[in-house]
């Protein structure tokens, strides 16, 4: 006796198991593991935001709540994409050089007040 065929998936992309090491992503018939060591921007996000993923194109994933775009090929063949995020959630942003510069007029007014 043969089992009946399973029904169609309701989503073209799904998040499978989530662990402290990473999570499984199902895209069509492919299953891929995304380790947090290589994809650190997913490590500390709420599960609801991680589960909200959209397949915009057969090779383009998007997490709208996190504003993260990811090419499927970068997961399948990471050696072709050697750049790894250096994002650190607790690092404060530094002001740009433009924000720190003062005009000549501002410097002159500052000296005149002293």
C-alpha atoms as a PDB file:
ATOM      1  CA  UNK A   1       0.000   0.000   0.000  1.00  0.00           C
ATOM      2  CA  UNK A   2       1.276   3.454  -0.875  1.00  0.00           C
ATOM      3  CA  UNK A   3       0.711   6.577   1.131  1.00  0.00           C
ATOM      4  CA  UNK A   4      -1.243   9.411  -0.409  1.00  0.00           C
ATOM      5  CA  UNK A   5       0.725  12.364  -1.746  1.00  0.00           C
ATOM      6  CA  UNK A   6       1.245  15.213   0.648  1.00  0.00           C
ATOM      7  CA  UNK A   7      -0.592  18.449  -0.004  1.00  0.00           C
ATOM      8  CA  UNK A   8       1.013  21.519  -1.484  1.00  0.00           C
ATOM      9  CA  UNK A   9       2.975  23.858   0.733  1.00  0.00           C
ATOM     10  CA  UNK A  10       1.184  27.082   1.474  1.00  0.00           C
ATOM     11  CA  UNK A  11       4.394  29.137   1.331  1.00  0.00           C
ATOM     12  CA  UNK A  12       7.284  29.151  -1.142  1.00  0.00           C
ATOM     13  CA  UNK A  13       9.653  29.767   1.774  1.00  0.00           C
ATOM     14  CA  UNK A  14       9.461  28.553   5.362  1.00  0.00           C
ATOM     15  CA  UNK A  15      11.618  28.604   8.468  1.00  0.00           C
ATOM     16  CA  UNK A  16      12.099  25.107   9.865  1.00  0.00           C
ATOM     17  CA  UNK A  17      13.869  24.317  13.101  1.00  0.00           C
ATOM     18  CA  UNK A  18      15.499  27.163  15.048  1.00  0.00           C
ATOM     19  CA  UNK A  19      18.316  26.371  17.483  1.00  0.00           C
ATOM     20  CA  UNK A  20      21.023  28.277  19.330  1.00  0.00           C
ATOM     21  CA  UNK A  21      23.356  27.540  16.385  1.00  0.00           C
ATOM     22  CA  UNK A  22      21.138  28.746  13.520  1.00  0.00           C
ATOM     23  CA  UNK A  23      17.973  27.876  11.645  1.00  0.00           C
ATOM     24  CA  UNK A  24      16.747  25.781   8.727  1.00  0.00           C
ATOM     25  CA  UNK A  25      15.251  27.499   5.723  1.00  0.00           C
ATOM     26  CA  UNK A  26      13.062  25.681   3.199  1.00  0.00           C
ATOM     27  CA  UNK A  27      12.945  27.339  -0.220  1.00  0.00           C
ATOM     28  CA  UNK A  28      10.822  25.340  -2.625  1.00  0.00           C
ATOM     29  CA  UNK A  29      12.274  21.823  -2.476  1.00  0.00           C
ATOM     30  CA  UNK A  30      15.624  22.942  -1.068  1.00  0.00           C
ATOM     31  CA  UNK A  31      16.523  22.846   2.609  1.00  0.00           C
ATOM     32  CA  UNK A  32      19.403  25.021   3.830  1.00  0.00           C
ATOM     33  CA  UNK A  33      20.966  25.720   7.224  1.00  0.00           C
ATOM     34  CA  UNK A  34      21.917  29.305   8.131  1.00  0.00           C
ATOM     35  CA  UNK A  35      24.392  29.279  11.029  1.00  0.00           C
ATOM     36  CA  UNK A  36      24.428  32.359  13.228  1.00  0.00           C
ATOM     37  CA  UNK A  37      28.228  32.443  12.921  1.00  0.00           C
ATOM     38  CA  UNK A  38      27.861  33.296   9.206  1.00  0.00           C
ATOM     39  CA  UNK A  39      24.566  35.188   9.458  1.00  0.00           C
ATOM     40  CA  UNK A  40      24.883  37.018  12.809  1.00  0.00           C
ATOM     41  CA  UNK A  41      22.206  39.634  12.092  1.00  0.00           C
ATOM     42  CA  UNK A  42      19.571  36.929  12.718  1.00  0.00           C
ATOM     43  CA  UNK A  43      20.935  35.831  16.119  1.00  0.00           C
ATOM     44  CA  UNK A  44      19.045  38.159  18.472  1.00  0.00           C
ATOM     45  CA  UNK A  45      15.836  38.890  16.557  1.00  0.00           C
ATOM     46  CA  UNK A  46      12.403  37.884  17.880  1.00  0.00           C
ATOM     47  CA  UNK A  47      11.117  34.637  16.391  1.00  0.00           C
ATOM     48  CA  UNK A  48       8.074  36.347  14.883  1.00  0.00           C
ATOM     49  CA  UNK A  49      10.309  38.662  12.854  1.00  0.00           C
ATOM     50  CA  UNK A  50      12.516  35.760  11.742  1.00  0.00           C
ATOM     51  CA  UNK A  51       9.481  33.778  10.573  1.00  0.00           C
ATOM     52  CA  UNK A  52       8.244  36.674   8.428  1.00  0.00           C
ATOM     53  CA  UNK A  53      10.267  35.902   5.292  1.00  0.00           C
ATOM     54  CA  UNK A  54       9.179  36.440   1.693  1.00  0.00           C
ATOM     55  CA  UNK A  55      10.506  34.911  -1.514  1.00  0.00           C
ATOM     56  CA  UNK A  56      10.498  37.937  -3.831  1.00  0.00           C
ATOM     57  CA  UNK A  57      12.151  36.015  -6.663  1.00  0.00           C
ATOM     58  CA  UNK A  58      13.328  32.381  -6.927  1.00  0.00           C
ATOM     59  CA  UNK A  59      16.787  33.570  -5.816  1.00  0.00           C
ATOM     60  CA  UNK A  60      15.886  36.516  -3.562  1.00  0.00           C
ATOM     61  CA  UNK A  61      14.753  36.305   0.082  1.00  0.00           C
ATOM     62  CA  UNK A  62      13.510  39.283   2.067  1.00  0.00           C
ATOM     63  CA  UNK A  63      12.719  39.740   5.770  1.00  0.00           C
ATOM     64  CA  UNK A  64      10.517  42.891   5.772  1.00  0.00           C
ATOM     65  CA  UNK A  65      10.463  43.296   9.578  1.00  0.00           C
ATOM     66  CA  UNK A  66      14.279  43.233   9.650  1.00  0.00           C
ATOM     67  CA  UNK A  67      14.927  44.923   6.276  1.00  0.00           C
ATOM     68  CA  UNK A  68      17.307  42.098   5.281  1.00  0.00           C
ATOM     69  CA  UNK A  69      17.774  40.950   1.681  1.00  0.00           C
ATOM     70  CA  UNK A  70      19.603  37.718   1.001  1.00  0.00           C
ATOM     71  CA  UNK A  71      20.475  35.878  -2.207  1.00  0.00           C
ATOM     72  CA  UNK A  72      19.700  32.147  -2.050  1.00  0.00           C
ATOM     73  CA  UNK A  73      22.996  31.453  -3.806  1.00  0.00           C
ATOM     74  CA  UNK A  74      24.924  33.102  -0.942  1.00  0.00           C
ATOM     75  CA  UNK A  75      23.501  30.424   1.369  1.00  0.00           C
ATOM     76  CA  UNK A  76      24.087  27.523  -1.018  1.00  0.00           C
ATOM     77  CA  UNK A  77      27.603  28.578  -2.067  1.00  0.00           C
ATOM     78  CA  UNK A  78      29.047  30.776   0.701  1.00  0.00           C
ATOM     79  CA  UNK A  79      32.592  30.411  -0.665  1.00  0.00           C
ATOM     80  CA  UNK A  80      31.568  32.662  -3.576  1.00  0.00           C
ATOM     81  CA  UNK A  81      30.486  35.348  -1.092  1.00  0.00           C
ATOM     82  CA  UNK A  82      33.438  35.748   1.294  1.00  0.00           C
ATOM     83  CA  UNK A  83      32.242  38.946   2.967  1.00  0.00           C
ATOM     84  CA  UNK A  84      30.770  38.268   6.385  1.00  0.00           C
ATOM     85  CA  UNK A  85      28.898  40.829   8.409  1.00  0.00           C
ATOM     86  CA  UNK A  86      30.773  42.418  11.260  1.00  0.00           C
ATOM     87  CA  UNK A  87      27.598  43.815  12.779  1.00  0.00           C
ATOM     88  CA  UNK A  88      27.712  44.113  16.551  1.00  0.00           C
ATOM     89  CA  UNK A  89      24.381  44.959  18.173  1.00  0.00           C
ATOM     90  CA  UNK A  90      25.809  46.853  21.151  1.00  0.00           C
ATOM     91  CA  UNK A  91      28.330  49.024  19.280  1.00  0.00           C
ATOM     92  CA  UNK A  92      27.251  52.694  19.288  1.00  0.00           C
ATOM     93  CA  UNK A  93      27.224  54.542  15.992  1.00  0.00           C
ATOM     94  CA  UNK A  94      29.998  57.071  15.469  1.00  0.00           C
ATOM     95  CA  UNK A  95      29.261  60.536  14.090  1.00  0.00           C
ATOM     96  CA  UNK A  96      30.454  61.151  10.557  1.00  0.00           C
ATOM     97  CA  UNK A  97      33.236  63.604   9.797  1.00  0.00           C
ATOM     98  CA  UNK A  98      30.688  66.053   8.384  1.00  0.00           C
ATOM     99  CA  UNK A  99      28.738  66.133  11.659  1.00  0.00           C
ATOM    100  CA  UNK A 100      31.909  66.852  13.653  1.00  0.00           C
ATOM    101  CA  UNK A 101      33.200  69.672  11.455  1.00  0.00           C
ATOM    102  CA  UNK A 102      32.294  73.224  12.260  1.00  0.00           C
ATOM    103  CA  UNK A 103      32.269  76.060   9.800  1.00  0.00           C
ATOM    104  CA  UNK A 104      34.778  78.946  10.067  1.00  0.00           C
ATOM    105  CA  UNK A 105      31.968  81.182  11.287  1.00  0.00           C
ATOM    106  CA  UNK A 106      31.048  78.787  14.119  1.00  0.00           C
ATOM    107  CA  UNK A 107      34.721  78.553  15.205  1.00  0.00           C
ATOM    108  CA  UNK A 108      35.083  82.362  15.165  1.00  0.00           C
ATOM    109  CA  UNK A 109      31.913  82.851  17.235  1.00  0.00           C
ATOM    110  CA  UNK A 110      33.123  80.217  19.688  1.00  0.00           C
ATOM    111  CA  UNK A 111      36.521  81.998  20.094  1.00  0.00           C
ATOM    112  CA  UNK A 112      34.828  85.391  20.497  1.00  0.00           C
ATOM    113  CA  UNK A 113      32.727  84.055  23.403  1.00  0.00           C
ATOM    114  CA  UNK A 114      35.806  82.720  25.211  1.00  0.00           C
END
